[in-house]
PDB file of N, CA and C in Angstrom:
ATOM      1  N   UNK A   1      17.337 -16.078  -3.918  1.00  0.00           N
ATOM      2  CA  UNK A   1      17.321 -15.606  -4.064  1.00  0.00           C
ATOM      3  C   UNK A   1      15.925 -14.856  -3.538  1.00  0.00           C
ATOM      4  N   UNK A   2      15.500 -13.134  -3.359  1.00  0.00           N
ATOM      5  CA  UNK A   2      14.501 -12.930  -2.997  1.00  0.00           C
ATOM      6  C   UNK A   2      13.365 -12.381  -3.499  1.00  0.00           C
ATOM      7  N   UNK A   3      12.841 -12.372  -3.515  1.00  0.00           N
ATOM      8  CA  UNK A   3      11.315 -11.709  -4.870  1.00  0.00           C
ATOM      9  C   UNK A   3      10.282 -10.886  -3.971  1.00  0.00           C
ATOM     10  N   UNK A   4      10.649 -10.027  -5.097  1.00  0.00           N
ATOM     11  CA  UNK A   4      10.016  -8.327  -4.646  1.00  0.00           C
ATOM     12  C   UNK A   4       8.745  -8.709  -5.153  1.00  0.00           C
ATOM     13  N   UNK A   5       7.101  -7.877  -3.713  1.00  0.00           N
ATOM     14  CA  UNK A   5       6.305  -8.095  -4.505  1.00  0.00           C
ATOM     15  C   UNK A   5       6.640  -6.514  -5.517  1.00  0.00           C
ATOM     16  N   UNK A   6       5.231  -6.435  -6.797  1.00  0.00           N
ATOM     17  CA  UNK A   6       5.414  -4.581  -7.358  1.00  0.00           C
ATOM     18  C   UNK A   6       4.606  -5.088  -6.338  1.00  0.00           C
ATOM     19  N   UNK A   7       4.145  -3.099  -6.514  1.00  0.00           N
ATOM     20  CA  UNK A   7       2.705  -2.521  -6.416  1.00  0.00           C
ATOM     21  C   UNK A   7       2.835  -1.471  -7.336  1.00  0.00           C
ATOM     22  N   UNK A   8       1.997  -0.934  -8.603  1.00  0.00           N
ATOM     23  CA  UNK A   8       1.953  -0.127  -9.266  1.00  0.00           C
ATOM     24  C   UNK A   8       1.062   0.837  -8.978  1.00  0.00           C
ATOM     25  N   UNK A   9       1.136   2.069  -9.342  1.00  0.00           N
ATOM     26  CA  UNK A   9       0.304   3.671  -9.337  1.00  0.00           C
ATOM     27  C   UNK A   9      -0.740   3.532  -9.813  1.00  0.00           C
ATOM     28  N   UNK A  10      -1.916   3.477  -9.358  1.00  0.00           N
ATOM     29  CA  UNK A  10      -2.965   3.994 -10.685  1.00  0.00           C
ATOM     30  C   UNK A  10      -2.818   4.791 -11.384  1.00  0.00           C
ATOM     31  N   UNK A  11      -3.152   5.355 -12.864  1.00  0.00           N
ATOM     32  CA  UNK A  11      -2.871   6.300 -13.039  1.00  0.00           C
ATOM     33  C   UNK A  11      -3.749   7.417 -13.181  1.00  0.00           C
ATOM     34  N   UNK A  12      -4.323   6.781 -12.005  1.00  0.00           N
ATOM     35  CA  UNK A  12      -5.723   8.149 -11.474  1.00  0.00           C
ATOM     36  C   UNK A  12      -4.490   9.412 -10.550  1.00  0.00           C
ATOM     37  N   UNK A  13      -3.801   8.513  -9.476  1.00  0.00           N
ATOM     38  CA  UNK A  13      -2.589   8.941  -8.849  1.00  0.00           C
ATOM     39  C   UNK A  13      -1.624   9.003  -9.449  1.00  0.00           C
ATOM     40  N   UNK A  14      -0.925   9.045 -10.486  1.00  0.00           N
ATOM     41  CA  UNK A  14       0.408   8.951 -11.194  1.00  0.00           C
ATOM     42  C   UNK A  14       1.150  10.237 -10.903  1.00  0.00           C
ATOM     43  N   UNK A  15       0.375  10.937 -12.013  1.00  0.00           N
ATOM     44  CA  UNK A  15       0.564  12.376 -12.662  1.00  0.00           C
ATOM     45  C   UNK A  15       0.714  13.497 -11.008  1.00  0.00           C
ATOM     46  N   UNK A  16      -0.663  12.970 -10.060  1.00  0.00           N
ATOM     47  CA  UNK A  16      -0.433  13.894  -9.295  1.00  0.00           C
ATOM     48  C   UNK A  16       0.559  13.517  -8.436  1.00  0.00           C
ATOM     49  N   UNK A  17       1.318  12.456  -8.128  1.00  0.00           N
ATOM     50  CA  UNK A  17       2.738  11.571  -7.284  1.00  0.00           C
ATOM     51  C   UNK A  17       3.899  12.597  -8.235  1.00  0.00           C
ATOM     52  N   UNK A  18       3.603  11.857  -9.009  1.00  0.00           N
ATOM     53  CA  UNK A  18       5.054  13.213 -10.634  1.00  0.00           C
ATOM     54  C   UNK A  18       5.393  14.388 -10.313  1.00  0.00           C
ATOM     55  N   UNK A  19       3.776  15.258 -10.173  1.00  0.00           N
ATOM     56  CA  UNK A  19       4.228  16.440 -10.106  1.00  0.00           C
ATOM     57  C   UNK A  19       4.671  17.082  -8.672  1.00  0.00           C
ATOM     58  N   UNK A  20       4.548  16.619  -7.734  1.00  0.00           N
ATOM     59  CA  UNK A  20       4.129  16.908  -5.979  1.00  0.00           C
ATOM     60  C   UNK A  20       5.782  16.908  -5.863  1.00  0.00           C
ATOM     61  N   UNK A  21       5.695  18.000  -4.770  1.00  0.00           N
ATOM     62  CA  UNK A  21       7.276  17.711  -4.665  1.00  0.00           C
ATOM     63  C   UNK A  21       8.139  16.734  -3.805  1.00  0.00           C
ATOM     64  N   UNK A  22       9.534  16.877  -3.516  1.00  0.00           N
ATOM     65  CA  UNK A  22      10.259  15.749  -3.093  1.00  0.00           C
ATOM     66  C   UNK A  22       9.805  16.218  -1.617  1.00  0.00           C
ATOM     67  N   UNK A  23       9.249  14.540  -0.821  1.00  0.00           N
ATOM     68  CA  UNK A  23       9.324  15.763   1.140  1.00  0.00           C
ATOM     69  C   UNK A  23      10.552  14.286   1.311  1.00  0.00           C
ATOM     70  N   UNK A  24      11.516  14.738   2.127  1.00  0.00           N
ATOM     71  CA  UNK A  24      11.950  13.834   3.534  1.00  0.00           C
ATOM     72  C   UNK A  24      11.222  13.451   4.105  1.00  0.00           C
ATOM     73  N   UNK A  25      12.752  11.758   4.496  1.00  0.00           N
ATOM     74  CA  UNK A  25      11.194  11.112   5.414  1.00  0.00           C
ATOM     75  C   UNK A  25      10.895  10.018   4.449  1.00  0.00           C
ATOM     76  N   UNK A  26      10.579   8.591   5.022  1.00  0.00           N
ATOM     77  CA  UNK A  26       9.850   7.800   4.581  1.00  0.00           C
ATOM     78  C   UNK A  26       8.037   8.713   3.845  1.00  0.00           C
ATOM     79  N   UNK A  27       7.950   8.139   2.508  1.00  0.00           N
ATOM     80  CA  UNK A  27       6.671   8.378   2.010  1.00  0.00           C
ATOM     81  C   UNK A  27       5.205   7.606   2.964  1.00  0.00           C
ATOM     82  N   UNK A  28       4.724   7.984   2.731  1.00  0.00           N
ATOM     83  CA  UNK A  28       3.080   7.200   3.143  1.00  0.00           C
ATOM     84  C   UNK A  28       2.391   7.736   1.882  1.00  0.00           C
ATOM     85  N   UNK A  29       1.699   5.981   2.361  1.00  0.00           N
ATOM     86  CA  UNK A  29       0.656   5.544   0.857  1.00  0.00           C
ATOM     87  C   UNK A  29      -0.188   4.746   1.092  1.00  0.00           C
ATOM     88  N   UNK A  30      -1.155   5.013   0.281  1.00  0.00           N
ATOM     89  CA  UNK A  30      -2.653   4.630   0.558  1.00  0.00           C
ATOM     90  C   UNK A  30      -2.402   3.716  -0.931  1.00  0.00           C
ATOM     91  N   UNK A  31      -2.820   1.895   0.308  1.00  0.00           N
ATOM     92  CA  UNK A  31      -3.043   0.334  -0.057  1.00  0.00           C
ATOM     93  C   UNK A  31      -4.179   1.116  -1.675  1.00  0.00           C
ATOM     94  N   UNK A  32      -4.512   2.207  -1.374  1.00  0.00           N
ATOM     95  CA  UNK A  32      -6.140   2.413  -2.394  1.00  0.00           C
ATOM     96  C   UNK A  32      -5.768   2.982  -3.594  1.00  0.00           C
ATOM     97  N   UNK A  33      -4.646   2.801  -3.518  1.00  0.00           N
ATOM     98  CA  UNK A  33      -3.591   3.947  -4.776  1.00  0.00           C
ATOM     99  C   UNK A  33      -2.892   3.226  -5.674  1.00  0.00           C
ATOM    100  N   UNK A  34      -2.975   1.940  -5.461  1.00  0.00           N
ATOM    101  CA  UNK A  34      -2.101   0.644  -6.326  1.00  0.00           C
ATOM    102  C   UNK A  34      -2.592   0.064  -6.227  1.00  0.00           C
ATOM    103  N   UNK A  35      -2.183  -1.121  -7.467  1.00  0.00           N
ATOM    104  CA  UNK A  35      -2.561  -2.500  -7.586  1.00  0.00           C
ATOM    105  C   UNK A  35      -1.338  -3.459  -7.558  1.00  0.00           C
ATOM    106  N   UNK A  36      -1.444  -4.425  -7.575  1.00  0.00           N
ATOM    107  CA  UNK A  36      -0.587  -5.412  -8.137  1.00  0.00           C
ATOM    108  C   UNK A  36       0.208  -5.539  -9.587  1.00  0.00           C
ATOM    109  N   UNK A  37       1.019  -5.399  -9.377  1.00  0.00           N
ATOM    110  CA  UNK A  37       1.528  -5.680 -10.013  1.00  0.00           C
ATOM    111  C   UNK A  37       2.852  -7.034 -11.015  1.00  0.00           C
ATOM    112  N   UNK A  38       2.784  -7.616  -9.985  1.00  0.00           N
ATOM    113  CA  UNK A  38       2.937  -8.767  -9.849  1.00  0.00           C
ATOM    114  C   UNK A  38       4.329  -9.538  -9.297  1.00  0.00           C
ATOM    115  N   UNK A  39       5.207 -10.063  -9.345  1.00  0.00           N
ATOM    116  CA  UNK A  39       6.770  -9.984  -8.801  1.00  0.00           C
ATOM    117  C   UNK A  39       8.045 -10.519  -9.393  1.00  0.00           C
ATOM    118  N   UNK A  40       9.172  -9.911  -8.800  1.00  0.00           N
ATOM    119  CA  UNK A  40      10.380  -9.859  -9.430  1.00  0.00           C
ATOM    120  C   UNK A  40      11.626 -10.650  -8.564  1.00  0.00           C
ATOM    121  N   UNK A  41      11.865 -11.437  -9.001  1.00  0.00           N
ATOM    122  CA  UNK A  41      13.362 -11.937  -8.585  1.00  0.00           C
ATOM    123  C   UNK A  41      14.495 -11.514  -8.072  1.00  0.00           C
ATOM    124  N   UNK A  42      15.035 -10.686  -7.323  1.00  0.00           N
ATOM    125  CA  UNK A  42      16.445 -10.006  -7.273  1.00  0.00           C
ATOM    126  C   UNK A  42      17.230 -10.160  -5.695  1.00  0.00           C
ATOM    127  N   UNK A  43      18.894  -9.325  -5.939  1.00  0.00           N
ATOM    128  CA  UNK A  43      19.173  -9.664  -4.965  1.00  0.00           C
ATOM    129  C   UNK A  43      19.406  -8.507  -3.746  1.00  0.00           C
ATOM    130  N   UNK A  44      18.354  -7.609  -4.007  1.00  0.00           N
ATOM    131  CA  UNK A  44      18.150  -5.389  -3.806  1.00  0.00           C
ATOM    132  C   UNK A  44      16.939  -5.652  -4.070  1.00  0.00           C
ATOM    133  N   UNK A  45      16.478  -4.236  -3.725  1.00  0.00           N
ATOM    134  CA  UNK A  45      15.539  -2.993  -4.411  1.00  0.00           C
ATOM    135  C   UNK A  45      16.112  -2.932  -6.049  1.00  0.00           C
ATOM    136  N   UNK A  46      17.239  -2.638  -5.292  1.00  0.00           N
ATOM    137  CA  UNK A  46      18.259  -1.946  -6.397  1.00  0.00           C
ATOM    138  C   UNK A  46      18.302  -2.751  -7.974  1.00  0.00           C
ATOM    139  N   UNK A  47      18.692  -4.234  -7.479  1.00  0.00           N
ATOM    140  CA  UNK A  47      19.520  -4.969  -8.256  1.00  0.00           C
ATOM    141  C   UNK A  47      17.240  -5.440  -9.015  1.00  0.00           C
ATOM    142  N   UNK A  48      16.240  -5.336  -7.980  1.00  0.00           N
ATOM    143  CA  UNK A  48      15.017  -5.482  -8.839  1.00  0.00           C
ATOM    144  C   UNK A  48      14.934  -4.066  -9.965  1.00  0.00           C
ATOM    145  N   UNK A  49      15.332  -3.063  -9.593  1.00  0.00           N
ATOM    146  CA  UNK A  49      14.961  -1.681 -10.365  1.00  0.00           C
ATOM    147  C   UNK A  49      15.495  -2.146 -11.882  1.00  0.00           C
ATOM    148  N   UNK A  50      16.993  -2.360 -11.739  1.00  0.00           N
ATOM    149  CA  UNK A  50      17.923  -2.857 -12.952  1.00  0.00           C
ATOM    150  C   UNK A  50      16.834  -3.736 -13.893  1.00  0.00           C
ATOM    151  N   UNK A  51      16.769  -4.615 -13.329  1.00  0.00           N
ATOM    152  CA  UNK A  51      16.219  -5.947 -13.770  1.00  0.00           C
ATOM    153  C   UNK A  51      14.944  -5.466 -14.607  1.00  0.00           C
ATOM    154  N   UNK A  52      13.872  -4.901 -14.193  1.00  0.00           N
ATOM    155  CA  UNK A  52      13.191  -4.965 -14.979  1.00  0.00           C
ATOM    156  C   UNK A  52      13.315  -3.262 -15.760  1.00  0.00           C
ATOM    157  N   UNK A  53      14.272  -2.712 -15.330  1.00  0.00           N
ATOM    158  CA  UNK A  53      14.493  -0.691 -16.115  1.00  0.00           C
ATOM    159  C   UNK A  53      14.432  -1.426 -18.133  1.00  0.00           C
ATOM    160  N   UNK A  54      14.821  -2.183 -18.041  1.00  0.00           N
ATOM    161  CA  UNK A  54      14.900  -3.093 -19.566  1.00  0.00           C
ATOM    162  C   UNK A  54      13.772  -3.718 -20.877  1.00  0.00           C
ATOM    163  N   UNK A  55      12.907  -3.765 -19.426  1.00  0.00           N
ATOM    164  CA  UNK A  55      11.486  -4.424 -19.492  1.00  0.00           C
ATOM    165  C   UNK A  55      10.479  -3.697 -20.212  1.00  0.00           C
ATOM    166  N   UNK A  56       9.237  -3.936 -21.364  1.00  0.00           N
ATOM    167  CA  UNK A  56       7.943  -3.720 -20.542  1.00  0.00           C
ATOM    168  C   UNK A  56       7.567  -3.732 -19.207  1.00  0.00           C
ATOM    169  N   UNK A  57       8.092  -4.070 -18.358  1.00  0.00           N
ATOM    170  CA  UNK A  57       7.467  -3.269 -16.885  1.00  0.00           C
ATOM    171  C   UNK A  57       8.196  -2.950 -16.136  1.00  0.00           C
ATOM    172  N   UNK A  58       9.066  -2.026 -17.044  1.00  0.00           N
ATOM    173  CA  UNK A  58       9.794  -0.785 -15.929  1.00  0.00           C
ATOM    174  C   UNK A  58       8.968  -0.648 -15.224  1.00  0.00           C
ATOM    175  N   UNK A  59       9.358   0.177 -13.974  1.00  0.00           N
ATOM    176  CA  UNK A  59       9.159   0.835 -12.881  1.00  0.00           C
ATOM    177  C   UNK A  59       8.732   2.015 -13.325  1.00  0.00           C
ATOM    178  N   UNK A  60       7.444   2.715 -12.711  1.00  0.00           N
ATOM    179  CA  UNK A  60       7.214   4.494 -12.874  1.00  0.00           C
ATOM    180  C   UNK A  60       7.580   4.802 -11.222  1.00  0.00           C
ATOM    181  N   UNK A  61       7.427   6.400 -12.151  1.00  0.00           N
ATOM    182  CA  UNK A  61       7.642   7.487 -10.805  1.00  0.00           C
ATOM    183  C   UNK A  61       6.437   6.833  -9.690  1.00  0.00           C
ATOM    184  N   UNK A  62       6.902   6.169  -8.466  1.00  0.00           N
ATOM    185  CA  UNK A  62       5.637   6.079  -7.242  1.00  0.00           C
ATOM    186  C   UNK A  62       5.287   4.505  -7.405  1.00  0.00           C
ATOM    187  N   UNK A  63       6.146   3.839  -8.309  1.00  0.00           N
ATOM    188  CA  UNK A  63       5.767   2.771  -7.941  1.00  0.00           C
ATOM    189  C   UNK A  63       6.181   1.842  -7.260  1.00  0.00           C
ATOM    190  N   UNK A  64       6.143   0.705  -6.437  1.00  0.00           N
ATOM    191  CA  UNK A  64       6.259  -0.380  -4.494  1.00  0.00           C
ATOM    192  C   UNK A  64       7.347  -1.473  -5.237  1.00  0.00           C
ATOM    193  N   UNK A  65       8.642  -1.153  -4.415  1.00  0.00           N
ATOM    194  CA  UNK A  65       8.318  -2.874  -4.351  1.00  0.00           C
ATOM    195  C   UNK A  65       8.206  -3.208  -3.174  1.00  0.00           C
ATOM    196  N   UNK A  66       7.800  -4.255  -2.881  1.00  0.00           N
ATOM    197  CA  UNK A  66       7.442  -4.969  -1.258  1.00  0.00           C
ATOM    198  C   UNK A  66       8.388  -6.033  -0.855  1.00  0.00           C
ATOM    199  N   UNK A  67       9.018  -6.120   0.132  1.00  0.00           N
ATOM    200  CA  UNK A  67      10.420  -6.809   0.366  1.00  0.00           C
ATOM    201  C   UNK A  67       9.227  -8.309   0.946  1.00  0.00           C
ATOM    202  N   UNK A  68       9.865  -9.982   0.976  1.00  0.00           N
ATOM    203  CA  UNK A  68       9.462 -10.364   1.764  1.00  0.00           C
ATOM    204  C   UNK A  68       9.202 -10.042   3.038  1.00  0.00           C
ATOM    205  N   UNK A  69       9.723  -9.602   4.116  1.00  0.00           N
ATOM    206  CA  UNK A  69       9.699  -9.090   5.125  1.00  0.00           C
ATOM    207  C   UNK A  69       8.825  -7.957   5.898  1.00  0.00           C
ATOM    208  N   UNK A  70       7.629  -7.114   4.342  1.00  0.00           N
ATOM    209  CA  UNK A  70       7.062  -6.444   4.424  1.00  0.00           C
ATOM    210  C   UNK A  70       6.997  -4.634   4.073  1.00  0.00           C
ATOM    211  N   UNK A  71       9.077  -4.712   3.806  1.00  0.00           N
ATOM    212  CA  UNK A  71       9.639  -3.393   3.987  1.00  0.00           C
ATOM    213  C   UNK A  71       9.282  -3.711   2.376  1.00  0.00           C
ATOM    214  N   UNK A  72       8.530  -1.732   2.700  1.00  0.00           N
ATOM    215  CA  UNK A  72       8.326  -0.874   1.194  1.00  0.00           C
ATOM    216  C   UNK A  72       8.952  -0.202   0.694  1.00  0.00           C
ATOM    217  N   UNK A  73       9.482  -0.081  -0.468  1.00  0.00           N
ATOM    218  CA  UNK A  73      10.099   0.838  -1.315  1.00  0.00           C
ATOM    219  C   UNK A  73       9.575   1.750  -1.881  1.00  0.00           C
ATOM    220  N   UNK A  74       9.928   2.931  -2.953  1.00  0.00           N
ATOM    221  CA  UNK A  74       9.048   3.832  -3.598  1.00  0.00           C
ATOM    222  C   UNK A  74      10.151   4.399  -4.307  1.00  0.00           C
ATOM    223  N   UNK A  75       9.438   4.793  -5.421  1.00  0.00           N
ATOM    224  CA  UNK A  75      10.525   4.709  -6.797  1.00  0.00           C
ATOM    225  C   UNK A  75      10.315   6.509  -6.750  1.00  0.00           C
ATOM    226  N   UNK A  76      11.126   7.158  -6.944  1.00  0.00           N
ATOM    227  CA  UNK A  76      11.234   8.519  -6.648  1.00  0.00           C
ATOM    228  C   UNK A  76      11.756   9.286  -7.333  1.00  0.00           C
ATOM    229  N   UNK A  77      12.236  10.353  -8.432  1.00  0.00           N
ATOM    230  CA  UNK A  77      13.158  11.002  -9.221  1.00  0.00           C
ATOM    231  C   UNK A  77      14.869  11.220  -8.167  1.00  0.00           C
ATOM    232  N   UNK A  78      14.714  11.072  -7.218  1.00  0.00           N
ATOM    233  CA  UNK A  78      15.989  10.639  -6.698  1.00  0.00           C
ATOM    234  C   UNK A  78      16.354   9.142  -5.974  1.00  0.00           C
ATOM    235  N   UNK A  79      15.963   8.471  -6.683  1.00  0.00           N
ATOM    236  CA  UNK A  79      15.945   6.795  -5.774  1.00  0.00           C
ATOM    237  C   UNK A  79      15.430   6.537  -5.643  1.00  0.00           C
ATOM    238  N   UNK A  80      15.420   5.196  -5.101  1.00  0.00           N
ATOM    239  CA  UNK A  80      14.086   4.334  -4.495  1.00  0.00           C
ATOM    240  C   UNK A  80      14.514   4.751  -2.718  1.00  0.00           C
ATOM    241  N   UNK A  81      13.469   5.377  -2.519  1.00  0.00           N
ATOM    242  CA  UNK A  81      13.587   5.796  -0.501  1.00  0.00           C
ATOM    243  C   UNK A  81      12.511   4.628   0.156  1.00  0.00           C
ATOM    244  N   UNK A  82      12.309   4.624   0.975  1.00  0.00           N
ATOM    245  CA  UNK A  82      11.405   3.879   2.295  1.00  0.00           C
ATOM    246  C   UNK A  82      10.058   4.148   2.149  1.00  0.00           C
ATOM    247  N   UNK A  83       8.865   2.986   2.500  1.00  0.00           N
ATOM    248  CA  UNK A  83       7.736   4.019   2.544  1.00  0.00           C
ATOM    249  C   UNK A  83       6.854   3.021   3.205  1.00  0.00           C
ATOM    250  N   UNK A  84       6.304   3.614   3.857  1.00  0.00           N
ATOM    251  CA  UNK A  84       5.022   2.868   4.911  1.00  0.00           C
ATOM    252  C   UNK A  84       3.272   3.388   4.402  1.00  0.00           C
ATOM    253  N   UNK A  85       2.824   2.448   5.010  1.00  0.00           N
ATOM    254  CA  UNK A  85       1.823   1.842   4.109  1.00  0.00           C
ATOM    255  C   UNK A  85       0.276   3.252   5.284  1.00  0.00           C
ATOM    256  N   UNK A  86      -0.388   3.924   5.095  1.00  0.00           N
ATOM    257  CA  UNK A  86      -0.894   4.389   5.819  1.00  0.00           C
ATOM    258  C   UNK A  86      -2.427   3.562   5.457  1.00  0.00           C
ATOM    259  N   UNK A  87      -2.570   3.026   7.066  1.00  0.00           N
ATOM    260  CA  UNK A  87      -3.814   2.901   6.915  1.00  0.00           C
ATOM    261  C   UNK A  87      -4.661   3.379   8.261  1.00  0.00           C
ATOM    262  N   UNK A  88      -6.009   3.608   7.388  1.00  0.00           N
ATOM    263  CA  UNK A  88      -6.906   4.826   8.038  1.00  0.00           C
ATOM    264  C   UNK A  88      -7.542   4.230   9.745  1.00  0.00           C
ATOM    265  N   UNK A  89      -7.263   4.922  10.654  1.00  0.00           N
ATOM    266  CA  UNK A  89      -7.690   4.653  12.188  1.00  0.00           C
ATOM    267  C   UNK A  89      -9.412   4.328  12.375  1.00  0.00           C
ATOM    268  N   UNK A  90      -9.855   3.492  12.432  1.00  0.00           N
ATOM    269  CA  UNK A  90     -11.105   3.058  12.622  1.00  0.00           C
ATOM    270  C   UNK A  90     -11.433   3.798  13.093  1.00  0.00           C
ATOM    271  N   UNK A  91     -12.988   5.039  12.923  1.00  0.00           N
ATOM    272  CA  UNK A  91     -13.613   5.514  13.441  1.00  0.00           C
ATOM    273  C   UNK A  91     -13.931   5.481  14.926  1.00  0.00           C
ATOM    274  N   UNK A  92     -14.405   6.325  15.820  1.00  0.00           N
ATOM    275  CA  UNK A  92     -14.592   6.110  16.677  1.00  0.00           C
ATOM    276  C   UNK A  92     -16.444   5.445  16.791  1.00  0.00           C
ATOM    277  N   UNK A  93     -16.132   3.846  17.870  1.00  0.00           N
ATOM    278  CA  UNK A  93     -17.384   3.182  16.995  1.00  0.00           C
ATOM    279  C   UNK A  93     -17.229   2.346  17.318  1.00  0.00           C
ATOM    280  N   UNK A  94     -16.556   2.151  15.784  1.00  0.00           N
ATOM    281  CA  UNK A  94     -16.794   1.036  14.839  1.00  0.00           C
ATOM    282  C   UNK A  94     -15.338   0.310  15.641  1.00  0.00           C
ATOM    283  N   UNK A  95     -16.337  -0.738  15.415  1.00  0.00           N
ATOM    284  CA  UNK A  95     -15.114  -2.009  16.297  1.00  0.00           C
ATOM    285  C   UNK A  95     -15.253  -3.542  15.194  1.00  0.00           C
ATOM    286  N   UNK A  96     -15.270  -3.247  14.214  1.00  0.00           N
ATOM    287  CA  UNK A  96     -15.404  -4.134  13.311  1.00  0.00           C
ATOM    288  C   UNK A  96     -17.621  -4.946  13.316  1.00  0.00           C
ATOM    289  N   UNK A  97     -18.062  -4.164  13.888  1.00  0.00           N
ATOM    290  CA  UNK A  97     -19.410  -4.755  14.232  1.00  0.00           C
ATOM    291  C   UNK A  97     -19.928  -3.966  13.182  1.00  0.00           C
ATOM    292  N   UNK A  98     -21.236  -4.240  12.876  1.00  0.00           N
ATOM    293  CA  UNK A  98     -22.029  -3.543  11.955  1.00  0.00           C
ATOM    294  C   UNK A  98     -23.162  -2.741  12.742  1.00  0.00           C
ATOM    295  N   UNK A  99     -23.385  -1.728  12.019  1.00  0.00           N
ATOM    296  CA  UNK A  99     -24.088  -1.015  12.794  1.00  0.00           C
ATOM    297  C   UNK A  99     -25.951  -1.414  13.238  1.00  0.00           C
ATOM    298  N   UNK A 100     -25.996  -0.985  14.030  1.00  0.00           N
ATOM    299  CA  UNK A 100     -27.304  -1.714  15.697  1.00  0.00           C
ATOM    300  C   UNK A 100     -27.086  -2.883  14.838  1.00  0.00           C
ATOM    301  N   UNK A 101     -25.818  -3.694  15.680  1.00  0.00           N
ATOM    302  CA  UNK A 101     -26.073  -4.895  15.892  1.00  0.00           C
ATOM    303  C   UNK A 101     -25.612  -5.656  17.351  1.00  0.00           C
ATOM    304  N   UNK A 102     -25.837  -6.196  17.871  1.00  0.00           N
ATOM    305  CA  UNK A 102     -26.456  -6.624  19.402  1.00  0.00           C
ATOM    306  C   UNK A 102     -24.468  -6.509  19.805  1.00  0.00           C
ATOM    307  N   UNK A 103     -24.069  -5.910  20.648  1.00  0.00           N
ATOM    308  CA  UNK A 103     -22.631  -5.924  21.624  1.00  0.00           C
ATOM    309  C   UNK A 103     -22.355  -7.056  21.985  1.00  0.00           C
ATOM    310  N   UNK A 104     -21.099  -7.393  22.570  1.00  0.00           N
ATOM    311  CA  UNK A 104     -20.968  -8.952  22.500  1.00  0.00           C
ATOM    312  C   UNK A 104     -21.693  -8.804  24.212  1.00  0.00           C
ATOM    313  N   UNK A 105     -22.222 -10.472  24.093  1.00  0.00           N
ATOM    314  CA  UNK A 105     -22.734 -11.032  25.099  1.00  0.00           C
ATOM    315  C   UNK A 105     -24.403 -10.438  25.538  1.00  0.00           C
ATOM    316  N   UNK A 106     -24.525 -10.033  24.452  1.00  0.00           N
ATOM    317  CA  UNK A 106     -26.172  -9.568  24.307  1.00  0.00           C
ATOM    318  C   UNK A 106     -27.249 -11.058  23.741  1.00  0.00           C
ATOM    319  N   UNK A 107     -27.910 -11.385  24.860  1.00  0.00           N
ATOM    320  CA  UNK A 107     -28.365 -12.416  24.325  1.00  0.00           C
ATOM    321  C   UNK A 107     -29.500 -11.653  22.777  1.00  0.00           C
ATOM    322  N   UNK A 108     -29.469 -12.708  21.522  1.00  0.00           N
ATOM    323  CA  UNK A 108     -30.744 -12.468  20.734  1.00  0.00           C
ATOM    324  C   UNK A 108     -32.023 -12.150  21.318  1.00  0.00           C
ATOM    325  N   UNK A 109     -32.461 -11.231  20.754  1.00  0.00           N
ATOM    326  CA  UNK A 109     -33.707 -10.478  21.274  1.00  0.00           C
ATOM    327  C   UNK A 109     -33.311  -9.827  21.388  1.00  0.00           C
ATOM    328  N   UNK A 110     -32.576  -9.608  22.222  1.00  0.00           N
ATOM    329  CA  UNK A 110     -32.731  -7.760  23.723  1.00  0.00           C
ATOM    330  C   UNK A 110     -31.877  -7.148  22.695  1.00  0.00           C
ATOM    331  N   UNK A 111     -32.027  -6.699  21.348  1.00  0.00           N
ATOM    332  CA  UNK A 111     -30.970  -6.040  20.884  1.00  0.00           C
ATOM    333  C   UNK A 111     -32.461  -4.692  20.233  1.00  0.00           C
ATOM    334  N   UNK A 112     -31.821  -3.046  20.405  1.00  0.00           N
ATOM    335  CA  UNK A 112     -33.248  -2.955  19.984  1.00  0.00           C
ATOM    336  C   UNK A 112     -33.634  -2.696  18.889  1.00  0.00           C
ATOM    337  N   UNK A 113     -33.782  -3.465  18.271  1.00  0.00           N
ATOM    338  CA  UNK A 113     -34.538  -3.403  16.604  1.00  0.00           C
ATOM    339  C   UNK A 113     -35.206  -4.703  17.252  1.00  0.00           C
ATOM    340  N   UNK A 114     -34.921  -5.466  17.984  1.00  0.00           N
ATOM    341  CA  UNK A 114     -36.021  -6.677  18.556  1.00  0.00           C
ATOM    342  C   UNK A 114     -36.776  -6.043  19.497  1.00  0.00           C
ATOM    343  N   UNK A 115     -36.808  -4.828  19.923  1.00  0.00           N
ATOM    344  CA  UNK A 115     -37.616  -4.395  21.120  1.00  0.00           C
ATOM    345  C   UNK A 115     -38.525  -3.817  20.462  1.00  0.00           C
TER     346      UNK A 115
END
């Protein structure tokens, strides 16, 4: 039976999400707005929601279920809908290097800081 990861919406973002108007299409969610909430084994996302519904781990509006293949589903008032992580694009010039670091292939000692 498949397992679903549970991502709980942080309390600081719950009220905002709760009172936001419903939008059509996949929800765009930010990883920083969620925290890990364990796992649940179920045949489908609705089976997972149902299994958790009568427990102290029930899903709240805004909580996510992530399937084994990485598909996200968000709990909304109207049911469970598709969601996607929003990953910010790196700023221009940010390619995983530290500020002031020498570009690849530059011999040590030839960086601006060393001159």
